[in-house]
Every structure is written in structure tokens, then in C-alpha cells.
Protein backbone atom coordinates (compact mmCIF):
# COMPACT_ATOMS: atom_id res chain seq x y z
CA MET A 1 -9.11 35.17 6.25
CA PRO A 2 -9.69 38.68 4.67
CA ASP A 3 -13.00 39.21 2.85
CA GLY A 4 -12.90 38.11 -0.72
CA ILE A 5 -9.98 35.66 -0.32
CA ALA A 6 -11.25 32.08 -0.66
CA ASP A 7 -9.62 29.44 1.53
CA PHE A 8 -9.48 25.90 0.10
CA SER A 9 -7.73 22.80 1.38
CA ILE A 10 -6.65 19.77 -0.68
CA ASP A 11 -5.54 16.47 0.89
CA ALA A 12 -3.62 14.93 -1.96
CA VAL A 13 -3.54 11.42 -0.41
CA CYS A 14 -7.31 11.10 0.27
CA LEU A 15 -8.06 12.63 -3.11
CA PHE A 16 -6.33 9.92 -5.14
CA ILE A 17 -6.61 6.79 -2.93
CA ASN A 18 -10.39 6.96 -2.45
CA PRO A 19 -11.92 4.22 -4.69
CA CYS A 20 -15.35 5.87 -4.50
CA ILE A 21 -14.01 8.88 -6.44
CA ARG A 22 -14.15 7.89 -10.09
CA ASP A 23 -12.58 11.16 -11.36
CA PRO A 24 -10.48 12.89 -8.63
CA VAL A 25 -9.43 15.77 -10.84
CA GLU A 26 -13.00 16.56 -11.90
CA LEU A 27 -14.19 16.36 -8.26
CA LEU A 28 -11.41 18.71 -7.20
CA ARG A 29 -12.31 21.18 -10.04
CA SER A 30 -15.98 21.24 -9.18
CA LYS A 31 -15.44 21.72 -5.45
CA LEU A 32 -12.99 24.49 -6.03
CA ILE A 33 -15.32 26.29 -8.41
CA ARG A 34 -18.09 25.96 -5.77
CA CYS A 35 -15.81 27.45 -3.14
CA LEU A 36 -14.84 30.38 -5.34
CA LEU A 37 -18.52 30.95 -6.39
CA ASN A 38 -19.65 31.01 -2.68
CA GLU A 39 -16.86 33.52 -1.84
CA CYS A 40 -17.89 35.73 -4.81
CA LEU A 41 -21.58 35.65 -3.93
CA GLN A 42 -21.01 36.35 -0.26
CA PHE A 43 -18.69 39.33 -0.65
CA ARG A 44 -19.68 40.43 -4.13
CA THR A 45 -15.95 40.31 -5.16
CA LEU A 46 -13.21 37.73 -5.38
CA LYS A 47 -9.75 39.07 -4.64
CA GLY A 48 -7.77 35.86 -4.45
CA LEU A 49 -7.39 32.25 -3.41
CA LYS A 50 -5.33 30.59 -0.66
CA CYS A 51 -5.02 26.98 -1.50
CA ARG A 52 -3.63 24.62 1.21
CA LEU A 53 -2.00 21.53 -0.30
CA GLN A 54 -1.55 18.75 2.28
CA ASN A 55 0.46 15.46 2.06
CA HIS A 56 1.80 16.40 -1.40
CA ARG A 57 5.01 14.48 -0.66
CA PHE A 58 3.22 11.17 -0.71
CA VAL A 59 1.83 11.41 -4.31
CA THR A 60 3.58 11.19 -7.63
CA PRO A 61 4.57 14.39 -9.55
CA GLU A 62 1.93 13.57 -12.16
CA TYR A 63 -0.81 13.92 -9.54
CA ILE A 64 0.67 17.22 -8.36
CA LYS A 65 0.59 18.51 -11.96
CA SER A 66 -3.04 17.49 -12.38
CA ILE A 67 -3.98 19.28 -9.11
CA LEU A 68 -2.18 22.45 -10.19
CA ALA A 69 -3.88 22.29 -13.63
CA ALA A 70 -7.30 21.96 -12.03
CA VAL A 71 -6.64 24.95 -9.71
CA GLU A 72 -5.39 27.01 -12.65
CA GLU A 73 -8.47 26.17 -14.78
CA ALA A 74 -10.85 27.05 -11.98
CA CYS A 75 -9.09 30.36 -11.38
CA GLN A 76 -9.29 31.32 -15.08
CA LEU A 77 -13.07 30.94 -14.98
CA PHE A 78 -13.13 33.73 -12.37
CA LYS A 79 -10.38 35.70 -14.07
CA LEU A 80 -8.05 35.46 -11.10
CA PRO A 81 -4.49 36.47 -11.99
CA GLU A 82 -1.62 34.22 -10.96
CA CYS A 83 -0.41 36.75 -8.41
CA ALA A 84 -3.76 36.43 -6.56
CA VAL A 85 -3.42 32.67 -6.12
CA ASP A 86 -1.37 31.52 -3.06
CA ILE A 87 -0.60 27.80 -2.85
CA VAL A 88 0.68 26.81 0.60
CA THR A 89 2.14 23.36 1.25
CA ASP A 90 2.34 21.61 4.59
CA ASP A 91 6.12 21.40 4.69
CA LYS A 92 6.43 23.79 7.62
CA GLU A 93 3.27 22.78 9.36
CA GLU A 94 3.37 18.97 9.44
CA VAL A 95 6.88 17.77 8.76
CA ASP A 96 7.73 18.40 12.44
CA SER A 97 4.39 16.92 13.67
CA PRO A 98 5.05 13.48 15.27
CA ALA A 99 1.31 12.79 15.43
CA ILE A 100 1.06 12.66 11.65
CA LEU A 101 4.38 11.81 10.02
CA PRO A 102 7.03 9.38 11.09
CA LYS A 103 10.51 10.28 12.29
CA PRO A 104 12.66 8.18 9.88
CA GLU A 105 16.03 9.57 11.05
CA HIS A 106 16.73 6.54 13.18
CA MET A 107 16.09 4.39 10.07
CA ALA A 108 18.05 6.48 7.67
CA HIS A 109 20.58 3.68 7.18
CA ILE A 110 17.89 1.28 5.96
CA ARG A 111 18.48 1.57 2.21
CA PRO A 112 19.90 -0.60 -0.58
CA MET A 113 23.65 -0.94 -0.35
CA GLU A 114 25.79 0.03 -3.32
CA ASN A 115 26.70 -3.51 -4.07
CA SER A 116 23.09 -4.75 -3.77
CA SER A 117 21.66 -6.92 -6.61
CA HIS A 118 18.71 -5.86 -8.75
CA PHE A 119 16.61 -8.40 -6.87
CA GLU A 120 17.43 -6.84 -3.44
CA ARG A 121 16.84 -3.35 -4.74
CA ALA A 122 13.39 -4.38 -6.09
CA LEU A 123 12.53 -5.88 -2.75
CA MET A 124 13.62 -2.69 -0.96
CA ASP A 125 11.47 -0.63 -3.29
CA PHE A 126 8.56 -2.84 -2.39
CA PHE A 127 8.94 -2.79 1.38
CA THR A 128 10.50 0.50 2.37
CA PRO A 129 7.44 2.76 1.75
CA PHE A 130 5.49 0.78 4.30
CA ILE A 131 8.38 1.07 6.80
CA TYR A 132 9.03 4.77 6.38
CA HIS A 133 5.38 5.90 6.08
CA ASN A 134 3.75 3.65 8.65
CA ALA A 135 2.67 6.68 10.67
CA LEU A 136 0.89 8.10 7.64
CA TYR A 137 -1.13 4.87 7.37
CA LYS A 138 -2.01 5.04 11.03
CA HIS A 139 -3.13 8.73 10.74
CA TYR A 140 -5.65 7.76 8.04
CA ASN A 141 -6.58 4.52 9.72
CA LEU A 142 -5.48 2.50 6.67
CA GLN A 143 -4.32 -1.08 6.59
CA PRO A 144 -2.55 -1.59 3.21
CA VAL A 145 -2.45 -5.05 1.81
CA GLU A 146 0.06 -5.84 -0.93
CA GLU A 147 0.65 -9.17 -2.77
CA LEU A 148 3.88 -10.08 -4.50
CA LEU A 149 5.11 -13.07 -6.48
CA ILE A 150 8.81 -13.99 -6.54
CA CYS A 151 9.97 -16.43 -9.25
CA GLY A 152 13.26 -18.13 -9.67
CA ALA A 153 15.35 -21.03 -8.56
CA ASN A 154 15.89 -20.83 -4.79
CA ALA A 155 13.84 -17.69 -4.70
CA SER A 156 12.21 -18.63 -1.41
CA LYS A 157 15.50 -19.17 0.41
CA LYS A 158 16.92 -15.97 -0.96
CA PHE A 159 13.85 -13.92 -0.01
CA ILE A 160 13.64 -15.36 3.53
CA ARG A 161 17.31 -14.75 4.10
CA TRP A 162 16.98 -11.18 2.79
CA PHE A 163 13.81 -10.45 4.89
CA LYS A 164 15.36 -11.79 8.06
CA SER A 165 18.43 -9.57 7.60
CA LEU A 166 16.08 -6.57 7.06
CA GLN A 167 13.98 -7.61 10.05
CA ALA A 168 17.06 -7.70 12.32
CA VAL A 169 18.12 -4.24 11.23
CA VAL A 170 14.59 -2.64 11.46
CA ASN A 171 13.71 -4.18 14.75
CA ASP A 172 17.03 -3.13 16.31
CA SER A 173 16.53 0.41 15.03
CA SER A 174 12.83 0.67 15.99
CA THR A 175 11.86 3.10 18.65
CA SER A 176 8.25 1.84 18.74
CA HIS A 177 6.56 -1.57 18.57
CA MET A 178 4.56 -0.13 15.68
CA GLU A 179 7.68 -0.35 13.47
CA LEU A 180 8.49 -4.01 14.03
CA LEU A 181 8.66 -6.48 11.10
CA ASN A 182 7.00 -9.91 11.55
CA LEU A 183 7.37 -12.94 9.23
CA HIS A 184 5.17 -16.07 8.85
CA ILE A 185 6.15 -18.88 6.44
CA ILE A 186 3.67 -21.32 4.98
CA ARG A 187 5.24 -24.13 2.99
CA ILE A 188 2.97 -25.90 0.53
CA GLU A 189 4.99 -29.16 0.77
CA ASP A 190 4.61 -29.23 4.57
CA ILE A 191 0.80 -29.03 4.52
CA LEU A 192 0.21 -31.84 2.07
CA SER A 193 -1.57 -34.85 3.52
CA PRO A 194 -2.94 -38.16 2.09
CA TYR A 195 -6.17 -37.76 4.05
CA PHE A 196 -9.15 -36.16 2.31
CA GLY A 197 -9.65 -32.45 3.30
CA GLU A 198 -6.66 -32.45 5.68
CA SER A 199 -4.42 -30.42 3.35
CA GLU A 200 -7.01 -27.67 2.89
CA ARG A 201 -7.61 -27.59 6.63
CA ARG A 202 -3.85 -27.25 7.33
CA LEU A 203 -3.51 -24.43 4.79
CA ALA A 204 -6.57 -22.53 6.17
CA SER A 205 -5.36 -23.08 9.71
CA SER A 206 -1.87 -21.85 9.02
CA PHE A 207 -3.06 -18.86 7.08
CA GLY A 208 -5.71 -18.06 9.74
CA TYR A 209 -3.04 -18.08 12.48
CA ALA A 210 -0.84 -15.81 10.55
CA MET A 211 -3.73 -13.40 9.91
CA SER A 212 -4.66 -13.45 13.60
CA THR A 213 -1.24 -12.14 14.50
CA VAL A 214 -1.44 -9.19 12.16
CA GLY A 215 -1.28 -6.15 14.31
CA LYS A 216 1.36 -3.71 15.38
CA GLY A 217 4.09 -3.13 12.82
CA LEU A 218 4.42 -4.73 9.40
CA THR A 219 3.48 -8.43 8.86
CA CYS A 220 4.73 -10.52 5.94
CA ILE A 221 3.13 -13.91 5.13
CA CYS A 222 5.44 -15.98 2.80
CA ILE A 223 3.69 -18.77 0.92
CA GLU A 224 6.56 -21.03 -0.25
CA GLY A 225 6.34 -23.28 -3.26
CA ILE A 226 3.26 -22.26 -5.26
CA HIS A 227 4.94 -23.73 -8.35
CA HIS A 228 2.99 -26.80 -7.12
CA PHE A 229 0.03 -25.27 -8.98
CA GLN A 230 0.93 -25.49 -12.67
CA ALA A 231 -0.71 -23.69 -15.55
CA ASN A 232 -1.76 -26.94 -17.26
CA LYS A 233 -4.96 -27.99 -15.59
CA ASP A 234 -4.57 -31.57 -16.77
CA ASP A 235 -1.48 -31.89 -14.67
CA LEU A 236 -3.35 -31.03 -11.46
CA THR A 237 -4.67 -33.78 -9.26
CA ASP A 238 -7.96 -33.47 -7.35
CA LEU A 239 -5.95 -32.55 -4.25
CA ASP A 240 -4.06 -29.81 -6.15
CA ARG A 241 -7.43 -28.37 -7.37
CA ARG A 242 -8.99 -28.39 -3.91
CA LEU A 243 -5.87 -26.84 -2.40
CA LEU A 244 -5.67 -24.26 -5.10
CA ALA A 245 -9.28 -23.24 -4.64
CA THR A 246 -8.73 -22.88 -0.90
CA LEU A 247 -5.60 -20.68 -1.47
CA LEU A 248 -7.62 -18.48 -3.91
CA LEU A 249 -10.36 -17.98 -1.33
CA LEU A 250 -7.82 -16.99 1.28
CA LEU A 251 -6.11 -14.47 -1.05
CA ASP A 252 -9.50 -13.00 -2.14
CA GLY A 253 -10.53 -12.76 1.50
CA VAL A 254 -7.41 -10.69 2.25
CA SER A 255 -7.96 -8.36 -0.68
CA LYS A 256 -11.60 -7.76 0.28
CA ALA A 257 -10.42 -6.91 3.83
CA ASP A 258 -8.07 -4.25 2.45
CA THR A 259 -9.32 -1.01 4.10
CA ILE A 260 -8.39 1.51 1.40
CA LEU A 261 -10.87 4.09 2.66
CA PRO A 262 -10.20 5.83 5.96
CA MET A 263 -12.15 4.14 8.65
CA SER A 264 -14.33 6.28 10.82
CA ASN A 265 -16.39 3.64 12.68
CA VAL A 266 -13.81 1.11 13.77
CA ASP A 267 -12.95 -0.14 17.23
CA ALA A 268 -9.67 0.43 18.96
CA LYS A 269 -8.41 -3.10 18.22
CA ALA A 270 -8.97 -2.67 14.47
CA ARG A 271 -7.07 0.61 14.53
CA LEU A 272 -3.92 -1.18 15.75
CA LYS A 273 -3.58 -3.28 12.59
CA GLY A 274 -0.55 -2.51 10.44
CA PRO A 275 0.49 -3.19 6.84
CA LEU A 276 0.20 -6.77 5.56
CA MET A 277 2.37 -8.17 2.78
CA ILE A 278 1.49 -11.53 1.09
CA VAL A 279 4.64 -12.81 -0.64
CA ALA A 280 4.45 -16.04 -2.72
CA THR A 281 7.55 -17.78 -4.07
CA SER A 282 7.91 -20.16 -6.98
CA ASP A 283 10.83 -22.05 -8.54
CA LYS A 284 9.14 -21.72 -11.95
CA PRO A 285 8.39 -18.59 -14.04
CA SER A 286 5.07 -16.96 -13.57
CA GLU A 287 3.96 -18.15 -17.12
CA GLU A 288 4.06 -21.79 -15.89
CA LEU A 289 1.71 -21.16 -12.92
CA SER A 290 -2.03 -21.33 -12.85
CA GLU A 291 -3.55 -18.23 -14.43
CA SER A 292 -6.00 -18.02 -11.52
CA LEU A 293 -3.07 -17.17 -9.24
CA THR A 294 -1.44 -14.46 -11.38
CA ARG A 295 -4.51 -12.60 -12.62
CA PRO A 296 -4.96 -8.92 -11.59
CA GLY A 297 -6.10 -8.55 -7.98
CA ARG A 298 -4.04 -11.53 -6.75
CA LEU A 299 -0.37 -12.23 -7.44
CA SER A 300 -0.12 -9.94 -10.49
CA ARG A 301 3.13 -8.14 -9.36
CA THR A 302 6.18 -10.18 -10.02
CA ILE A 303 9.90 -10.02 -9.17
CA ASN A 304 12.24 -12.44 -10.96
CA TYR A 305 15.31 -13.75 -9.17
CA THR A 306 18.38 -15.08 -11.00
CA ASP A 307 21.60 -16.30 -9.39
């Protein structure tokens, strides 16, 4: 790099997903000002800035605008004209890099059909980012965990039928075992038992087995029939309350295990874990379910299904 030309790199993904960064734009602005100041003090002059913007395709346009605004504001402090600022994206450098980005050409046909219902399109919007960008999560050693609530009569049968059709298409098109889709179904009615503590044990055992198989590819755990837990606490039996408490502990445990930050000190086995989707289905609207299930951080995202 010529003297007086500052070189600065921005990873858009890490900047905005890191929960330890309270104000990403302010952090970016301060680091860029520090970089420009160091260049100015070292060479007694500042001729320009070369800014490398990486992974910009995986953040929203609003984030890109905030990044560009921060760069512009920092350059104005040093009276750098626009012609002296060169923003380089990673389009040419990383799009063809199989080590970082996936090759989705063999899955180009995995998209909503023209005659798809609103329900099916909403499901595709939820699942396809994790299918197409699985290599990006692996590159940053991330294991995303998403939770979804599907409400409506026969919503469970419709979702399972839809997922299995997607599973067949994706698994047939996959060129790597890291792209496979796996499904585990836990039915609330099947785990109920008249013996004290047996229902909770069955739920924890079934959920634990599903979690133990989370690994290569995308794993979906479908909890069928949570309309069993109604909003009116007076209608809940002692068994319902114990079972609900067990389910909440399991959901909270998954959320706490969500590795949002890139992992640096993880073993090889942990690095193989892929995305995890928790999908709960209910025959009743979300308003009629226990508020402890639908509060933020649990099953707060909802898709409604209508025949």
C-alpha cells in the first residue's frame, strides 16, 4: 500500500451479529478514525483511504447504508475528498472461493413454486437462508438456533408434509453431507403418562435424543401439539404445569447454547454442528397459548396456516 493511503477492512457480518458490540456503527466510526489518524501521524499526510468491505451480501441494505455513512463521516473529519476514498467489495475475491461461500447452483431449483401458498412461501423464507448460506455459518463457526410457532388447524400435518418434500429435494440435490436436512418429531400426546414424572422424563429424553443427533447439515425438531398448554392457567392440571415447565427449560437451554459469537476455542466435534430449527405446532391461535411459550426469546415468531 502506498504511503499515506490508509487500508481498512470491514467484515459486515461480524460487525452486526456480535452481541458484545452495543453500537456497531459507533465502533466502526471510532476504529476508522483511529486508522486514519495513525496513517496521518506516521506519514505526516493522508492521501486517501482504501476500504475493503467483506460479506456485504449477507446484511440488509440498511446496514450497508449505515456503514457507508460512518465511512463518509470519518473521512470528512480528515477532509478527504470522495475521489480519494476507494471502497472495494469482495465480489471478485470471495464469490469464487469454495472455502468461504457455498456453491448453490445445484440447489437453484429449490425455491417457492409460482402456485405456492402464502404458508409455503413463509416457510421457504424461514428455511432457505440456512440451506443456501450453510458454508458461511461454518466459516464463522456459528450454530444458528431459530424457533418458530405454526398455528392453525392441521398445521402439524401440513408442515411435516411440506418439510419432508423439501427434505427429499434437498437431500437428492446435496453434494455434501453438510447440506442434508434432518427431521425429529416430538408429539405431546404420545409422551403423556398417568405415572408421576414419567411424562416429563419422556419429553426430556425425546428432546435430548434429538439434540444429540444435531450435527452435519440442518436439523429440525418439530414439537407437535403445544395447544395442550392453554393461556388460562386455571385450565392446566398439575401434569400440564410440570410438563410445561420442563418444555420451557428445554427451550431456554437451546437458546443459551446458541453460539452467536464466532468460536475460537472449540473442539473439532463442536465445529461440525449445523443449524438447528425448533418448530412448534398448535391447532389453536397463539393468543390462546400460555404466554410463557410465546414471549420473546422462545416461540415469538409465528406463521399462521389456513386451509
